[in-house]
Amino acid sequence: MTGRVTGPTFDEHLRRLEDIASALDRADVPLDRALQLFEEGITRLRAASETLSVAEGRLRELVERADGTLEPTDGVPLSPDDAD
């Protein structure tokens, strides 16, 4: 067990959001269906945003050194001078 939460991936959320946006652009979508699609879109947008936040946090924890190795930053934000 890896501790990873199973469910749609970030890319799957994006693809579904694109489908929802296309469906909502159609004039023949009944109001009740449009509301369902909108609600699903909000849920998927929040899930995708959370995935991005987690990935951003993981990236901030590591900094690539000049030799290509990764080094933990110990949660200390990197300054532009650290890139040298």
N, C-alpha and C. Protein backbone atom coordinates (compact mmCIF):
# COMPACT_ATOMS: atom_id res chain seq x y z
N MET A 1 0.84 -1.17 0.00
CA MET A 1 0.00 0.00 0.00
C MET A 1 0.89 1.24 0.00
N THR A 2 0.67 2.15 -0.95
CA THR A 2 1.54 3.31 -1.12
C THR A 2 1.01 4.55 -0.44
N GLY A 3 -0.21 4.55 0.00
CA GLY A 3 -0.79 5.74 0.60
C GLY A 3 -1.36 6.70 -0.43
N ARG A 4 -1.21 6.37 -1.69
CA ARG A 4 -1.71 7.23 -2.76
C ARG A 4 -3.22 7.07 -2.86
N VAL A 5 -3.89 8.19 -2.94
CA VAL A 5 -5.34 8.17 -3.08
C VAL A 5 -5.66 7.83 -4.53
N THR A 6 -6.53 6.84 -4.71
CA THR A 6 -6.89 6.48 -6.07
C THR A 6 -8.04 7.37 -6.53
N GLY A 7 -8.13 7.51 -7.80
CA GLY A 7 -9.15 8.36 -8.38
C GLY A 7 -8.64 8.93 -9.69
N PRO A 8 -9.40 9.82 -10.26
CA PRO A 8 -8.99 10.40 -11.54
C PRO A 8 -7.66 11.16 -11.41
N THR A 9 -6.86 11.09 -12.46
CA THR A 9 -5.61 11.82 -12.49
C THR A 9 -5.88 13.28 -12.87
N PHE A 10 -4.87 14.09 -12.73
CA PHE A 10 -4.97 15.50 -13.11
C PHE A 10 -5.39 15.61 -14.58
N ASP A 11 -4.75 14.83 -15.44
CA ASP A 11 -5.07 14.88 -16.87
C ASP A 11 -6.50 14.43 -17.15
N GLU A 12 -6.97 13.44 -16.41
CA GLU A 12 -8.36 12.99 -16.58
C GLU A 12 -9.33 14.10 -16.16
N HIS A 13 -9.01 14.79 -15.08
CA HIS A 13 -9.85 15.92 -14.66
C HIS A 13 -9.87 16.99 -15.76
N LEU A 14 -8.71 17.31 -16.32
CA LEU A 14 -8.66 18.33 -17.38
C LEU A 14 -9.46 17.93 -18.61
N ARG A 15 -9.32 16.67 -19.02
CA ARG A 15 -10.08 16.21 -20.19
C ARG A 15 -11.57 16.31 -19.94
N ARG A 16 -12.00 15.90 -18.75
CA ARG A 16 -13.43 15.97 -18.43
C ARG A 16 -13.91 17.42 -18.35
N LEU A 17 -13.07 18.31 -17.80
CA LEU A 17 -13.43 19.72 -17.76
C LEU A 17 -13.60 20.29 -19.17
N GLU A 18 -12.75 19.86 -20.09
CA GLU A 18 -12.89 20.30 -21.49
C GLU A 18 -14.20 19.79 -22.08
N ASP A 19 -14.55 18.54 -21.78
CA ASP A 19 -15.81 17.97 -22.26
C ASP A 19 -17.00 18.74 -21.68
N ILE A 20 -16.92 19.05 -20.41
CA ILE A 20 -18.01 19.79 -19.75
C ILE A 20 -18.15 21.17 -20.36
N ALA A 21 -17.04 21.86 -20.59
CA ALA A 21 -17.10 23.19 -21.19
C ALA A 21 -17.72 23.13 -22.58
N SER A 22 -17.36 22.12 -23.35
CA SER A 22 -17.94 21.96 -24.70
C SER A 22 -19.44 21.71 -24.62
N ALA A 23 -19.85 20.87 -23.68
CA ALA A 23 -21.27 20.56 -23.54
C ALA A 23 -22.05 21.80 -23.12
N LEU A 24 -21.48 22.59 -22.21
CA LEU A 24 -22.17 23.79 -21.74
C LEU A 24 -22.25 24.88 -22.81
N ASP A 25 -21.37 24.82 -23.80
CA ASP A 25 -21.40 25.79 -24.90
C ASP A 25 -22.56 25.52 -25.87
N ARG A 26 -23.09 24.32 -25.82
CA ARG A 26 -24.20 23.97 -26.73
C ARG A 26 -25.49 24.62 -26.25
N ALA A 27 -26.26 25.09 -27.20
CA ALA A 27 -27.52 25.77 -26.88
C ALA A 27 -28.63 24.79 -26.49
N ASP A 28 -28.49 23.52 -26.86
CA ASP A 28 -29.58 22.57 -26.63
C ASP A 28 -29.46 21.79 -25.32
N VAL A 29 -28.60 22.21 -24.42
CA VAL A 29 -28.44 21.52 -23.13
C VAL A 29 -29.56 21.98 -22.20
N PRO A 30 -30.37 21.03 -21.72
CA PRO A 30 -31.44 21.41 -20.78
C PRO A 30 -30.85 22.00 -19.50
N LEU A 31 -31.59 22.88 -18.88
CA LEU A 31 -31.11 23.58 -17.69
C LEU A 31 -30.68 22.62 -16.59
N ASP A 32 -31.47 21.58 -16.31
CA ASP A 32 -31.10 20.66 -15.23
C ASP A 32 -29.79 19.94 -15.54
N ARG A 33 -29.59 19.58 -16.81
CA ARG A 33 -28.33 18.94 -17.21
C ARG A 33 -27.17 19.93 -17.12
N ALA A 34 -27.40 21.18 -17.51
CA ALA A 34 -26.36 22.21 -17.44
C ALA A 34 -25.92 22.42 -15.99
N LEU A 35 -26.88 22.42 -15.07
CA LEU A 35 -26.54 22.58 -13.65
C LEU A 35 -25.73 21.39 -13.13
N GLN A 36 -26.09 20.18 -13.57
CA GLN A 36 -25.33 18.99 -13.16
C GLN A 36 -23.89 19.08 -13.69
N LEU A 37 -23.77 19.48 -14.95
CA LEU A 37 -22.44 19.60 -15.55
C LEU A 37 -21.61 20.67 -14.85
N PHE A 38 -22.25 21.79 -14.54
CA PHE A 38 -21.57 22.87 -13.85
C PHE A 38 -21.06 22.41 -12.49
N GLU A 39 -21.92 21.72 -11.74
CA GLU A 39 -21.53 21.21 -10.43
C GLU A 39 -20.37 20.23 -10.54
N GLU A 40 -20.43 19.33 -11.52
CA GLU A 40 -19.33 18.38 -11.72
C GLU A 40 -18.05 19.14 -12.08
N GLY A 41 -18.19 20.16 -12.90
CA GLY A 41 -17.03 20.95 -13.29
C GLY A 41 -16.36 21.61 -12.10
N ILE A 42 -17.15 22.17 -11.21
CA ILE A 42 -16.60 22.81 -10.00
C ILE A 42 -15.86 21.77 -9.15
N THR A 43 -16.45 20.60 -8.99
CA THR A 43 -15.83 19.54 -8.20
C THR A 43 -14.50 19.12 -8.82
N ARG A 44 -14.49 18.94 -10.13
CA ARG A 44 -13.26 18.52 -10.81
C ARG A 44 -12.21 19.62 -10.80
N LEU A 45 -12.65 20.86 -10.92
CA LEU A 45 -11.71 21.97 -10.86
C LEU A 45 -11.02 22.03 -9.50
N ARG A 46 -11.79 21.84 -8.44
CA ARG A 46 -11.21 21.84 -7.09
C ARG A 46 -10.23 20.68 -6.92
N ALA A 47 -10.58 19.51 -7.43
CA ALA A 47 -9.70 18.34 -7.31
C ALA A 47 -8.41 18.57 -8.09
N ALA A 48 -8.51 19.11 -9.29
CA ALA A 48 -7.31 19.38 -10.09
C ALA A 48 -6.45 20.44 -9.42
N SER A 49 -7.07 21.44 -8.84
CA SER A 49 -6.33 22.49 -8.14
C SER A 49 -5.59 21.92 -6.93
N GLU A 50 -6.23 21.03 -6.21
CA GLU A 50 -5.60 20.38 -5.06
C GLU A 50 -4.39 19.56 -5.51
N THR A 51 -4.54 18.85 -6.62
CA THR A 51 -3.42 18.06 -7.15
C THR A 51 -2.25 18.96 -7.49
N LEU A 52 -2.53 20.10 -8.10
CA LEU A 52 -1.47 21.06 -8.42
C LEU A 52 -0.80 21.60 -7.16
N SER A 53 -1.58 21.88 -6.15
CA SER A 53 -1.02 22.39 -4.90
C SER A 53 -0.08 21.38 -4.25
N VAL A 54 -0.47 20.12 -4.26
CA VAL A 54 0.36 19.06 -3.69
C VAL A 54 1.65 18.95 -4.49
N ALA A 55 1.55 18.96 -5.81
CA ALA A 55 2.74 18.85 -6.66
C ALA A 55 3.66 20.05 -6.43
N GLU A 56 3.10 21.23 -6.33
CA GLU A 56 3.90 22.43 -6.09
C GLU A 56 4.64 22.33 -4.76
N GLY A 57 3.97 21.83 -3.74
CA GLY A 57 4.63 21.64 -2.45
C GLY A 57 5.78 20.66 -2.53
N ARG A 58 5.60 19.58 -3.26
CA ARG A 58 6.66 18.60 -3.41
C ARG A 58 7.84 19.19 -4.17
N LEU A 59 7.57 19.99 -5.19
CA LEU A 59 8.65 20.61 -5.95
C LEU A 59 9.42 21.61 -5.10
N ARG A 60 8.72 22.32 -4.25
CA ARG A 60 9.40 23.29 -3.38
C ARG A 60 10.31 22.61 -2.38
N GLU A 61 10.06 21.34 -2.09
CA GLU A 61 10.88 20.62 -1.13
C GLU A 61 12.23 20.19 -1.71
N LEU A 62 12.34 20.25 -3.02
CA LEU A 62 13.57 19.81 -3.67
C LEU A 62 14.15 20.92 -4.53
N VAL A 63 15.45 20.95 -4.61
CA VAL A 63 16.12 21.88 -5.50
C VAL A 63 17.19 21.07 -6.25
N GLU A 64 17.27 21.30 -7.54
CA GLU A 64 18.27 20.57 -8.31
C GLU A 64 19.60 21.30 -8.23
N ARG A 65 20.63 20.57 -7.91
CA ARG A 65 21.97 21.14 -7.83
C ARG A 65 22.58 21.14 -9.22
N ALA A 66 23.67 21.83 -9.38
CA ALA A 66 24.36 21.94 -10.67
C ALA A 66 24.77 20.57 -11.21
N ASP A 67 25.08 19.62 -10.34
CA ASP A 67 25.50 18.30 -10.80
C ASP A 67 24.33 17.38 -11.11
N GLY A 68 23.10 17.90 -11.00
CA GLY A 68 21.92 17.11 -11.36
C GLY A 68 21.29 16.36 -10.20
N THR A 69 21.93 16.36 -9.04
CA THR A 69 21.34 15.68 -7.89
C THR A 69 20.30 16.59 -7.25
N LEU A 70 19.38 15.99 -6.54
CA LEU A 70 18.33 16.75 -5.87
C LEU A 70 18.67 16.87 -4.40
N GLU A 71 18.38 18.02 -3.85
CA GLU A 71 18.69 18.30 -2.46
C GLU A 71 17.45 18.87 -1.78
N PRO A 72 17.08 18.33 -0.61
CA PRO A 72 15.92 18.90 0.09
C PRO A 72 16.20 20.34 0.52
N THR A 73 15.16 21.16 0.49
CA THR A 73 15.30 22.55 0.91
C THR A 73 14.88 22.74 2.36
N ASP A 74 14.42 21.67 3.01
CA ASP A 74 13.97 21.73 4.41
C ASP A 74 12.88 22.77 4.61
N GLY A 75 12.04 22.97 3.58
CA GLY A 75 10.92 23.87 3.68
C GLY A 75 11.30 25.33 3.62
N VAL A 76 12.57 25.64 3.41
CA VAL A 76 13.00 27.03 3.31
C VAL A 76 12.80 27.49 1.88
N PRO A 77 12.04 28.57 1.66
CA PRO A 77 11.82 29.05 0.29
C PRO A 77 13.15 29.40 -0.36
N LEU A 78 13.24 29.13 -1.65
CA LEU A 78 14.44 29.45 -2.39
C LEU A 78 14.43 30.89 -2.82
N SER A 79 15.55 31.55 -2.72
CA SER A 79 15.65 32.90 -3.22
C SER A 79 16.31 32.86 -4.60
N PRO A 80 16.20 33.92 -5.39
CA PRO A 80 16.84 33.94 -6.71
C PRO A 80 18.35 33.71 -6.61
N ASP A 81 18.99 34.09 -5.51
CA ASP A 81 20.44 33.90 -5.35
C ASP A 81 20.80 32.44 -5.20
N ASP A 82 19.85 31.59 -4.78
CA ASP A 82 20.11 30.16 -4.60
C ASP A 82 20.33 29.44 -5.93
N ALA A 83 19.92 30.02 -7.03
CA ALA A 83 20.02 29.38 -8.33
C ALA A 83 21.45 29.37 -8.83
N ASP A 84 22.34 30.17 -8.26
CA ASP A 84 23.73 30.23 -8.71
C ASP A 84 24.51 29.01 -8.35
